[in-house]
Amino acid sequence: MTESAGRFLRACRRQDADATPVWFMRQAGRSLPEYRAIREQYSLLEICRRPEVCAEVTLQPIRRLGVDAAILFADIMIPLIGTGVDLDLVENVGPVIRHPIRAAADIAALRAIEPEQDVPYVLDTIRLLRGELGGTPLIGFAGAPFTLAAYLVEGKPSRDFIRVKGFMYREPDLWHDLMTRLSDMVVAYLQAQIAAGVQAVQLFDSWVGALSPRDYARYVLPYSRHILSAVGGNVPVIHFGTNSATLLDQMAAAGGDVIGVDWRIPLDAAWERVGTDRAVQGNLDPCVLLAPPAVIEEQARDVLERAAGRPGHIFNLGHGVHPETPVDHLARLVEFVHTYSAGRRAAGAAPVGVAR
C-alpha cells in the first residue's frame, strides 16, 4: 500500500502520514452526474441489490474526486429490509415504515439477521470492490440502534421525535428489548461486512442529537457500547452522530477508534472533549461547499489549523454531501486539503505533542 493509499487507515490509528486524508459522507451519490444517470435506470434499492452497479456507484467518487477512502453505497435501512421490515425509501422524504412499532408484538416480530442469506448482495458488492479498489480502503457502515428505532417507531423521518422518545420514557422494558434486538442485528451486519473485506466501519447515529446527555447515557450508550466493543479490534471503527456536541464525551465512552464530529462545535474543542486517545473525523459544514472556492478554502483551512497537524485527523464534512453541491468544489476541496496539510508537514510544523 502506498503512502497516499494508507493515509486514511494511518489516521484512524493516530499515526502520522504525508497529508491529511479526506473522504465525504454521501460522496457516492446524488451530487455526481454519473450517479444520476444510473438512477434514471434503477431505484436506490435496485442499485444496492445489483453488486456490479453498486460497486460502480461506490467507485465513481474515487475516480472523480481523488478521495482517500471509498464508502460502500447502501442505506442504513438495508438490514431491516433484509429481515422483512415492510418499508419504502421515498425520494426526498426518506424511510417510511408501513407498520410502525407500537407494542410488544411488533418488537417480537423483528427477527435476527442472517447476512449471507438476508443481504447477500451487500457482501457480494464488498468482495467485488476489494478487487477493484487496489490500495484504496473500503469503509462499511450501519445505522446505530437509536436512529433505526427512531424510524421504526416514528414511522418516517421526524423533527421532534415525539413518538420514539415517548415510547422510550413510557415503556423502558420494551425499549430495552427493541434496542437489544437492533444492537444484535447491527453487530451481525457489521461483522459480516468485515468478514467480506471492508477495512473500516462507521456507526451512524444520525438522530442521536435529539437526546439530552442524561437520556443518551441511560437509553442509548449501553447499546452503542455493545456494538462498538463487539466489532472493534479487527478494523478501525468510526462512531458518528449529528448535533452531538453535548454528547461527545459519552460517545467516546461508548467506544470507537475515531469519533465523528459535525460542524456545530469547533474541531479543537471537540477533540478536547473526545480525548487525545482517539482520532477525530470532520467537520466542515456541508453547506460551505455551495460557497465560492475562496470561502471553501478559508473554512477548510480553519478546520486543518484547529487539528494542528496532530496525527489522527480525518477531514470530512459534518454530515453528507448535499445534492446541489458542485462536483468541482468537492474535487478542489480534496486537492486543497492534501496540498495544504502536506505543505504544513513539509515546512516542519510539528504535530501537537510530537517532538521533532
Protein backbone atom coordinates (compact mmCIF):
# COMPACT_ATOMS: atom_id res chain seq x y z
CA MET A 1 0.00 0.00 0.00
CA THR A 2 1.41 3.40 -0.99
CA GLU A 3 1.77 6.26 1.48
CA SER A 4 -1.18 8.10 -0.08
CA ALA A 5 -3.35 4.96 -0.08
CA GLY A 6 -2.52 4.39 3.59
CA ARG A 7 -3.41 7.89 4.80
CA PHE A 8 -6.91 7.03 5.95
CA LEU A 9 -6.00 3.90 7.91
CA ARG A 10 -2.95 5.57 9.43
CA ALA A 11 -5.10 8.46 10.64
CA CYS A 12 -7.61 6.02 12.16
CA ARG A 13 -4.72 4.65 14.23
CA ARG A 14 -3.43 8.15 15.12
CA GLN A 15 -0.27 7.64 13.05
CA ASP A 16 1.28 10.47 11.09
CA ALA A 17 1.05 10.48 7.29
CA ASP A 18 2.25 12.55 4.36
CA ALA A 19 -1.04 14.51 4.25
CA THR A 20 -4.42 14.67 5.95
CA PRO A 21 -6.79 12.06 4.48
CA VAL A 22 -10.18 13.17 3.22
CA TRP A 23 -13.39 11.43 2.25
CA PHE A 24 -17.02 12.59 2.30
CA MET A 25 -20.15 11.09 3.73
CA ARG A 26 -22.57 10.58 0.80
CA GLN A 27 -19.67 11.04 -1.60
CA ALA A 28 -21.16 8.26 -3.74
CA GLY A 29 -24.48 9.50 -4.96
CA ARG A 30 -26.66 12.48 -5.52
CA SER A 31 -24.12 15.18 -6.41
CA LEU A 32 -22.43 13.17 -9.19
CA PRO A 33 -23.90 13.33 -12.72
CA GLU A 34 -22.73 9.78 -13.48
CA TYR A 35 -24.74 8.58 -10.47
CA ARG A 36 -27.82 10.48 -11.60
CA ALA A 37 -27.53 8.76 -14.98
CA ILE A 38 -27.62 5.38 -13.22
CA ARG A 39 -30.62 6.47 -11.15
CA GLU A 40 -32.53 7.03 -14.38
CA GLN A 41 -32.39 3.25 -14.83
CA TYR A 42 -32.55 1.93 -11.25
CA SER A 43 -34.05 2.82 -7.87
CA LEU A 44 -31.77 3.09 -4.86
CA LEU A 45 -32.72 -0.40 -3.67
CA GLU A 46 -32.24 -1.85 -7.15
CA ILE A 47 -28.72 -0.39 -7.20
CA CYS A 48 -27.95 -1.94 -3.81
CA ARG A 49 -29.24 -5.33 -4.94
CA ARG A 50 -27.07 -5.36 -8.10
CA PRO A 51 -23.44 -5.77 -6.94
CA GLU A 52 -21.89 -4.68 -10.25
CA VAL A 53 -23.97 -1.50 -10.34
CA CYS A 54 -23.49 -0.81 -6.62
CA ALA A 55 -19.73 -1.26 -6.97
CA GLU A 56 -19.68 1.16 -9.89
CA VAL A 57 -21.51 3.81 -7.84
CA THR A 58 -19.09 3.29 -4.94
CA LEU A 59 -16.10 3.71 -7.29
CA GLN A 60 -17.34 6.88 -9.00
CA PRO A 61 -16.08 9.37 -6.37
CA ILE A 62 -12.70 7.62 -6.22
CA ARG A 63 -12.20 8.29 -9.92
CA ARG A 64 -13.75 11.74 -9.93
CA LEU A 65 -12.60 13.27 -6.63
CA GLY A 66 -9.39 11.53 -5.55
CA VAL A 67 -10.62 10.87 -2.01
CA ASP A 68 -8.58 8.63 0.30
CA ALA A 69 -11.30 6.08 1.09
CA ALA A 70 -14.39 4.61 -0.52
CA ILE A 71 -17.58 4.06 1.42
CA LEU A 72 -19.93 1.29 0.44
CA PHE A 73 -23.02 2.61 -1.35
CA ALA A 74 -26.02 1.44 0.66
CA ASP A 75 -28.75 2.68 3.00
CA ILE A 76 -28.91 2.27 6.76
CA MET A 77 -32.29 0.55 6.38
CA ILE A 78 -30.90 -2.32 4.29
CA PRO A 79 -30.54 -4.82 7.19
CA LEU A 80 -34.11 -4.10 8.32
CA ILE A 81 -35.36 -4.64 4.79
CA GLY A 82 -33.36 -7.85 4.69
CA THR A 83 -35.15 -9.16 7.75
CA GLY A 84 -38.56 -8.40 6.31
CA VAL A 85 -39.48 -4.98 7.71
CA ASP A 86 -42.06 -3.52 5.30
CA LEU A 87 -40.84 -0.06 4.29
CA ASP A 88 -40.37 2.27 1.34
CA LEU A 89 -37.38 4.53 0.66
CA VAL A 90 -39.30 7.55 -0.60
CA GLU A 91 -37.42 10.04 -2.76
CA ASN A 92 -36.81 13.36 -0.96
CA VAL A 93 -38.56 12.01 2.16
CA GLY A 94 -36.59 9.02 3.48
CA PRO A 95 -37.66 5.70 5.00
CA VAL A 96 -41.40 5.25 5.51
CA ILE A 97 -42.42 2.27 7.69
CA ARG A 98 -45.76 0.73 6.71
CA HIS A 99 -46.41 -0.73 10.18
CA PRO A 100 -44.56 1.31 12.83
CA ILE A 101 -43.75 -0.27 16.18
CA ARG A 102 -46.46 0.40 18.74
CA ALA A 103 -46.48 -2.64 21.07
CA ALA A 104 -44.54 -5.65 22.32
CA ALA A 105 -45.85 -7.84 19.49
CA ASP A 106 -44.33 -5.51 16.92
CA ILE A 107 -40.92 -5.84 18.58
CA ALA A 108 -41.25 -9.61 18.88
CA ALA A 109 -41.80 -9.74 15.11
CA LEU A 110 -38.29 -8.36 14.47
CA ARG A 111 -36.19 -11.39 13.68
CA ALA A 112 -32.43 -11.75 13.84
CA ILE A 113 -30.47 -11.09 10.67
CA GLU A 114 -28.53 -13.74 8.79
CA PRO A 115 -26.41 -11.54 6.50
CA GLU A 116 -25.32 -14.20 3.98
CA GLN A 117 -28.97 -15.14 3.42
CA ASP A 118 -30.75 -11.83 4.04
CA VAL A 119 -28.41 -9.31 2.38
CA PRO A 120 -26.02 -11.35 0.20
CA TYR A 121 -25.84 -8.54 -2.35
CA VAL A 122 -24.16 -6.25 0.20
CA LEU A 123 -21.43 -8.80 0.88
CA ASP A 124 -21.02 -9.61 -2.82
CA THR A 125 -20.55 -5.91 -3.53
CA ILE A 126 -17.84 -5.67 -0.87
CA ARG A 127 -15.97 -8.65 -2.33
CA LEU A 128 -16.22 -7.17 -5.81
CA LEU A 129 -14.98 -3.78 -4.62
CA ARG A 130 -11.94 -5.20 -2.86
CA GLY A 131 -10.80 -6.48 -6.22
CA GLU A 132 -11.41 -3.13 -7.90
CA LEU A 133 -10.12 -0.61 -5.35
CA GLY A 134 -6.48 -1.61 -5.23
CA GLY A 135 -4.92 0.13 -2.26
CA THR A 136 -7.86 2.48 -1.55
CA PRO A 137 -9.53 1.44 1.74
CA LEU A 138 -13.21 0.50 1.77
CA ILE A 139 -15.48 1.66 4.61
CA GLY A 140 -18.57 -0.30 5.55
CA PHE A 141 -21.31 1.07 7.79
CA ALA A 142 -24.54 0.56 9.69
CA GLY A 143 -27.15 2.72 11.33
CA ALA A 144 -26.98 2.86 15.12
CA PRO A 145 -29.82 1.38 17.20
CA PHE A 146 -31.34 4.70 18.29
CA THR A 147 -31.51 6.01 14.74
CA LEU A 148 -33.05 2.76 13.48
CA ALA A 149 -35.50 2.76 16.40
CA ALA A 150 -36.45 6.35 15.60
CA TYR A 151 -37.55 5.32 12.10
CA LEU A 152 -39.27 2.14 13.29
CA VAL A 153 -41.32 3.89 15.97
CA GLU A 154 -41.95 7.25 14.29
CA GLY A 155 -42.77 5.54 11.00
CA LYS A 156 -40.98 8.20 8.97
CA PRO A 157 -38.37 10.96 9.38
CA SER A 158 -39.20 13.39 12.19
CA ARG A 159 -38.07 16.75 13.53
CA ASP A 160 -39.11 16.33 17.15
CA PHE A 161 -39.11 12.52 17.65
CA ILE A 162 -42.16 12.69 19.91
CA ARG A 163 -43.27 9.10 19.33
CA VAL A 164 -39.89 7.44 19.85
CA LYS A 165 -38.97 9.49 22.90
CA GLY A 166 -42.43 8.98 24.40
CA PHE A 167 -42.10 5.24 23.82
CA MET A 168 -38.62 5.29 25.37
CA TYR A 169 -39.89 7.03 28.52
CA ARG A 170 -43.18 5.13 28.91
CA GLU A 171 -42.01 1.63 28.07
CA PRO A 172 -38.45 1.13 29.35
CA ASP A 173 -38.68 -2.67 29.25
CA LEU A 174 -39.92 -2.67 25.67
CA TRP A 175 -37.26 -0.11 24.79
CA HIS A 176 -34.59 -2.43 26.17
CA ASP A 177 -35.98 -5.31 24.12
CA LEU A 178 -36.06 -3.20 20.95
CA MET A 179 -32.56 -1.79 21.40
CA THR A 180 -31.12 -5.20 22.26
CA ARG A 181 -32.56 -6.73 19.10
CA LEU A 182 -31.34 -3.84 16.97
CA SER A 183 -27.88 -3.92 18.58
CA ASP A 184 -27.52 -7.63 17.87
CA MET A 185 -28.63 -7.05 14.28
CA VAL A 186 -26.07 -4.28 13.78
CA VAL A 187 -23.27 -6.40 15.26
CA ALA A 188 -24.04 -9.30 12.92
CA TYR A 189 -24.34 -6.98 9.92
CA LEU A 190 -21.05 -5.18 10.58
CA GLN A 191 -19.19 -8.39 11.39
CA ALA A 192 -20.36 -9.82 8.06
CA GLN A 193 -19.10 -6.72 6.24
CA ILE A 194 -15.73 -7.06 7.97
CA ALA A 195 -15.52 -10.74 7.05
CA ALA A 196 -16.34 -9.83 3.43
CA GLY A 197 -13.42 -7.40 3.34
CA VAL A 198 -14.20 -3.84 4.47
CA GLN A 199 -11.17 -2.21 6.10
CA ALA A 200 -13.07 0.14 8.43
CA VAL A 201 -16.67 0.59 9.55
CA GLN A 202 -18.73 3.60 10.61
CA LEU A 203 -21.66 3.52 13.02
CA PHE A 204 -24.11 6.27 12.00
CA ASP A 205 -26.27 7.70 14.79
CA SER A 206 -27.90 10.32 12.62
CA TRP A 207 -30.68 11.31 15.05
CA VAL A 208 -28.93 10.92 18.41
CA GLY A 209 -28.69 14.70 18.78
CA ALA A 210 -32.38 14.69 19.69
CA LEU A 211 -31.41 13.36 23.14
CA SER A 212 -30.12 15.03 26.28
CA PRO A 213 -26.85 13.75 27.79
CA ARG A 214 -28.86 12.15 30.60
CA ASP A 215 -31.13 10.28 28.21
CA TYR A 216 -28.22 9.25 25.99
CA ALA A 217 -26.43 7.73 28.98
CA ARG A 218 -29.50 5.79 30.08
CA TYR A 219 -31.22 4.78 26.87
CA VAL A 220 -28.51 4.60 24.19
CA LEU A 221 -24.94 4.37 25.48
CA PRO A 222 -25.09 0.73 26.68
CA TYR A 223 -26.25 -0.46 23.27
CA SER A 224 -23.72 1.56 21.30
CA ARG A 225 -21.01 0.29 23.66
CA HIS A 226 -22.07 -3.30 22.98
CA ILE A 227 -21.80 -2.82 19.22
CA LEU A 228 -18.51 -0.93 19.27
CA SER A 229 -16.95 -3.46 21.61
CA ALA A 230 -18.16 -6.41 19.55
CA VAL A 231 -16.85 -5.13 16.19
CA GLY A 232 -13.77 -3.26 17.40
CA GLY A 233 -10.26 -4.64 17.28
CA ASN A 234 -10.38 -6.15 13.80
CA VAL A 235 -10.69 -2.93 11.78
CA PRO A 236 -10.91 0.76 12.79
CA VAL A 237 -14.38 1.82 13.90
CA ILE A 238 -15.77 5.34 13.40
CA HIS A 239 -18.54 6.46 15.77
CA PHE A 240 -20.54 9.33 14.29
CA GLY A 241 -23.59 11.32 15.36
CA THR A 242 -25.11 14.60 14.25
CA ASN A 243 -25.92 17.53 16.52
CA SER A 244 -23.86 15.70 19.12
CA ALA A 245 -21.69 18.45 20.65
CA THR A 246 -23.17 17.86 24.12
CA LEU A 247 -22.75 14.08 23.77
CA LEU A 248 -19.17 13.76 22.52
CA ASP A 249 -17.63 12.67 25.81
CA GLN A 250 -20.29 9.98 26.24
CA MET A 251 -19.96 8.85 22.63
CA ALA A 252 -16.23 8.47 23.23
CA ALA A 253 -17.01 6.50 26.38
CA ALA A 254 -19.26 4.22 24.32
CA GLY A 255 -16.32 3.40 22.08
CA GLY A 256 -14.83 3.75 18.63
CA ASP A 257 -11.32 4.39 17.34
CA VAL A 258 -12.48 7.57 15.59
CA ILE A 259 -15.18 9.97 16.78
CA GLY A 260 -17.01 11.82 14.01
CA VAL A 261 -17.72 15.50 14.66
CA ASP A 262 -20.29 17.71 12.98
CA TRP A 263 -19.88 21.44 12.32
CA ARG A 264 -21.71 22.71 15.39
CA ILE A 265 -18.56 22.65 17.54
CA PRO A 266 -15.01 23.73 16.63
CA LEU A 267 -12.79 20.75 15.87
CA ASP A 268 -10.21 21.55 18.55
CA ALA A 269 -12.91 21.89 21.22
CA ALA A 270 -14.44 18.61 20.10
CA TRP A 271 -11.10 16.83 20.24
CA GLU A 272 -10.56 18.08 23.77
CA ARG A 273 -13.90 16.58 24.81
CA VAL A 274 -13.25 13.32 23.00
CA GLY A 275 -9.74 12.93 24.41
CA THR A 276 -6.33 12.67 22.81
CA ASP A 277 -6.50 8.86 22.79
CA ARG A 278 -8.98 8.98 19.89
CA ALA A 279 -8.79 10.07 16.30
CA VAL A 280 -11.41 12.55 15.09
CA GLN A 281 -13.23 12.97 11.80
CA GLY A 282 -14.76 16.16 10.44
CA ASN A 283 -16.01 18.77 10.41
CA LEU A 284 -16.75 21.22 7.58
CA ASP A 285 -20.38 22.31 7.25
CA PRO A 286 -21.67 20.67 4.03
CA CYS A 287 -23.36 23.94 3.06
CA VAL A 288 -19.94 25.60 2.79
CA LEU A 289 -19.46 23.63 -0.41
CA LEU A 290 -22.16 25.76 -2.01
CA ALA A 291 -19.99 28.87 -1.45
CA PRO A 292 -17.29 30.32 -3.75
CA PRO A 293 -13.95 28.46 -3.76
CA ALA A 294 -12.20 31.13 -1.67
CA VAL A 295 -14.75 30.70 1.12
CA ILE A 296 -14.44 26.91 0.98
CA GLU A 297 -10.65 27.14 1.29
CA GLU A 298 -10.87 29.63 4.15
CA GLN A 299 -13.17 27.39 6.18
CA ALA A 300 -11.26 24.21 5.33
CA ARG A 301 -8.04 25.91 6.41
CA ASP A 302 -9.65 26.74 9.76
CA VAL A 303 -10.55 23.06 10.30
CA LEU A 304 -6.99 21.99 9.44
CA GLU A 305 -5.44 24.61 11.69
CA ARG A 306 -7.64 23.52 14.59
CA ALA A 307 -6.41 19.97 14.01
CA ALA A 308 -2.92 21.49 14.36
CA GLY A 309 -1.20 18.70 12.48
CA ARG A 310 -1.93 16.15 15.20
CA PRO A 311 -1.90 12.56 13.94
CA GLY A 312 -5.41 11.19 13.88
CA HIS A 313 -7.39 13.78 11.93
CA ILE A 314 -9.56 12.62 9.01
CA PHE A 315 -11.02 15.53 7.05
CA ASN A 316 -14.72 15.10 6.29
CA LEU A 317 -17.93 17.06 6.31
CA GLY A 318 -20.10 17.36 9.39
CA HIS A 319 -22.72 15.33 7.54
CA GLY A 320 -23.42 14.19 3.98
CA VAL A 321 -22.81 15.95 0.68
CA HIS A 322 -25.87 17.93 -0.45
CA PRO A 323 -27.25 17.04 -3.90
CA GLU A 324 -26.79 20.65 -5.07
CA THR A 325 -23.03 20.60 -4.36
CA PRO A 326 -20.93 21.40 -7.46
CA VAL A 327 -18.70 18.41 -8.17
CA ASP A 328 -15.71 20.64 -8.96
CA HIS A 329 -16.00 22.14 -5.46
CA LEU A 330 -15.60 18.69 -3.96
CA ALA A 331 -12.59 17.90 -6.14
CA ARG A 332 -10.95 21.25 -5.36
CA LEU A 333 -11.51 20.72 -1.64
CA VAL A 334 -9.79 17.31 -1.76
CA GLU A 335 -6.83 18.86 -3.56
CA PHE A 336 -6.68 21.76 -1.10
CA VAL A 337 -6.75 19.51 1.98
CA HIS A 338 -3.98 17.33 0.57
CA THR A 339 -1.81 20.23 -0.59
CA TYR A 340 -2.23 22.43 2.47
CA SER A 341 -1.69 19.64 5.01
CA ALA A 342 1.29 18.22 3.09
CA GLY A 343 2.84 21.68 2.90
CA ARG A 344 2.40 22.15 6.62
CA ARG A 345 4.20 18.88 7.24
CA ALA A 346 6.98 19.68 4.76
CA ALA A 347 7.54 23.03 6.45
CA GLY A 348 8.30 21.17 9.65
CA ALA A 349 5.26 22.21 11.67
CA ALA A 350 5.37 19.62 14.44
CA PRO A 351 2.12 17.89 15.33
CA VAL A 352 0.96 18.85 18.79
CA GLY A 353 2.58 16.56 21.35
CA VAL A 354 5.15 15.19 18.86
CA ALA A 355 8.79 16.23 19.19
CA ARG A 356 10.97 16.59 16.10
